[in-house]
Protein backbone atom coordinates (compact mmCIF):
# COMPACT_ATOMS: atom_id res chain seq x y z
CA MET A 1 -42.31 -147.63 -180.51
CA SER A 2 -43.29 -145.47 -178.09
CA VAL A 3 -47.18 -143.78 -177.93
CA LEU A 4 -45.26 -140.51 -176.55
CA ARG A 5 -44.61 -139.18 -179.62
CA TYR A 6 -48.03 -139.33 -180.99
CA LEU A 7 -49.18 -137.36 -178.11
CA PRO A 8 -48.62 -133.37 -178.18
CA ALA A 9 -45.66 -131.92 -176.16
CA THR A 10 -46.06 -130.99 -172.67
CA PRO A 11 -44.04 -128.12 -171.12
CA ASP A 12 -40.84 -129.24 -169.38
CA ASN A 13 -42.06 -132.92 -170.32
CA ALA A 14 -44.37 -133.39 -167.34
CA LEU A 15 -46.01 -136.40 -168.69
CA ILE A 16 -42.88 -138.03 -169.47
CA SER A 17 -41.57 -137.59 -165.97
CA ASP A 18 -44.89 -138.55 -164.56
CA ILE A 19 -44.75 -141.91 -166.12
CA VAL A 20 -41.34 -142.80 -165.32
CA VAL A 21 -42.08 -141.88 -161.54
CA LEU A 22 -45.10 -144.23 -161.59
CA GLY A 23 -43.40 -146.90 -163.51
CA TYR A 24 -40.36 -146.88 -161.04
CA PHE A 25 -42.05 -146.45 -157.48
CA GLY A 26 -45.74 -147.96 -158.44
CA PRO A 27 -44.95 -151.50 -158.87
CA ILE A 28 -42.73 -151.67 -155.74
CA ALA A 29 -45.71 -149.62 -153.67
CA VAL A 30 -48.38 -152.31 -155.23
CA ASN A 31 -46.16 -155.38 -154.76
CA PHE A 32 -45.55 -154.33 -151.07
CA LEU A 33 -49.16 -154.01 -150.21
CA VAL A 34 -49.96 -157.57 -151.96
CA ASN A 35 -47.50 -159.14 -149.89
CA VAL A 36 -48.46 -157.13 -146.71
CA ILE A 37 -51.84 -158.31 -147.24
CA VAL A 38 -50.42 -162.18 -147.97
CA VAL A 39 -48.72 -161.98 -144.54
CA ILE A 40 -51.72 -160.86 -142.85
CA LEU A 41 -53.38 -163.48 -144.26
CA PHE A 42 -50.86 -166.14 -143.42
CA PHE A 43 -51.16 -164.98 -139.60
CA LEU A 44 -54.84 -165.05 -139.55
CA ARG A 45 -54.34 -168.68 -141.01
CA ARG A 46 -56.61 -167.54 -144.07
CA VAL A 47 -54.01 -167.73 -147.04
CA TRP A 48 -54.52 -171.16 -147.97
CA ALA A 49 -58.09 -170.59 -148.00
CA SER A 50 -58.28 -167.24 -149.70
CA GLY A 51 -58.18 -169.36 -152.94
CA VAL A 52 -54.55 -167.65 -154.23
CA PRO A 53 -52.38 -170.64 -155.87
CA ARG A 54 -49.27 -171.26 -153.68
CA TRP A 55 -46.90 -170.74 -157.27
CA LEU A 56 -48.51 -167.11 -157.52
CA LEU A 57 -47.93 -166.13 -153.56
CA ILE A 58 -44.35 -167.99 -154.04
CA THR A 59 -43.89 -165.92 -157.62
CA ASN A 60 -45.18 -162.20 -156.37
CA PHE A 61 -42.66 -162.67 -153.24
CA VAL A 62 -39.58 -163.45 -155.67
CA PHE A 63 -40.34 -160.91 -157.66
CA PHE A 64 -40.88 -158.47 -154.69
CA VAL A 65 -37.58 -159.36 -153.86
CA LEU A 66 -35.68 -158.70 -156.91
CA GLN A 67 -37.57 -155.33 -157.00
CA ILE A 68 -35.75 -154.35 -153.88
CA ILE A 69 -32.40 -156.05 -155.12
CA LEU A 70 -32.85 -153.56 -158.24
CA PHE A 71 -34.00 -150.70 -156.55
CA ASN A 72 -31.22 -150.60 -154.11
CA ALA A 73 -28.91 -151.56 -156.97
CA PHE A 74 -30.05 -148.54 -158.91
CA ASN A 75 -29.83 -145.90 -156.08
CA THR A 76 -26.44 -147.11 -154.79
CA LEU A 77 -24.99 -146.21 -158.40
CA HIS A 78 -26.08 -142.59 -158.38
């Protein structure tokens, strides 16, 4: 069930295209930023002092790698 069907129609479906773009590029950008911050903390030797559990760091990195693989797979199909 989509919430978009309860919203008024916009010209050229601008809202729908914005949601698609944000859903496609947004998570990759945020995950990239988080991983860059973790790498910086790792080189400063403060990653374990930051209080973030190891399982969360590993899981975040695995999801980032999967996002990059899927992003590249979908871009090569077109």
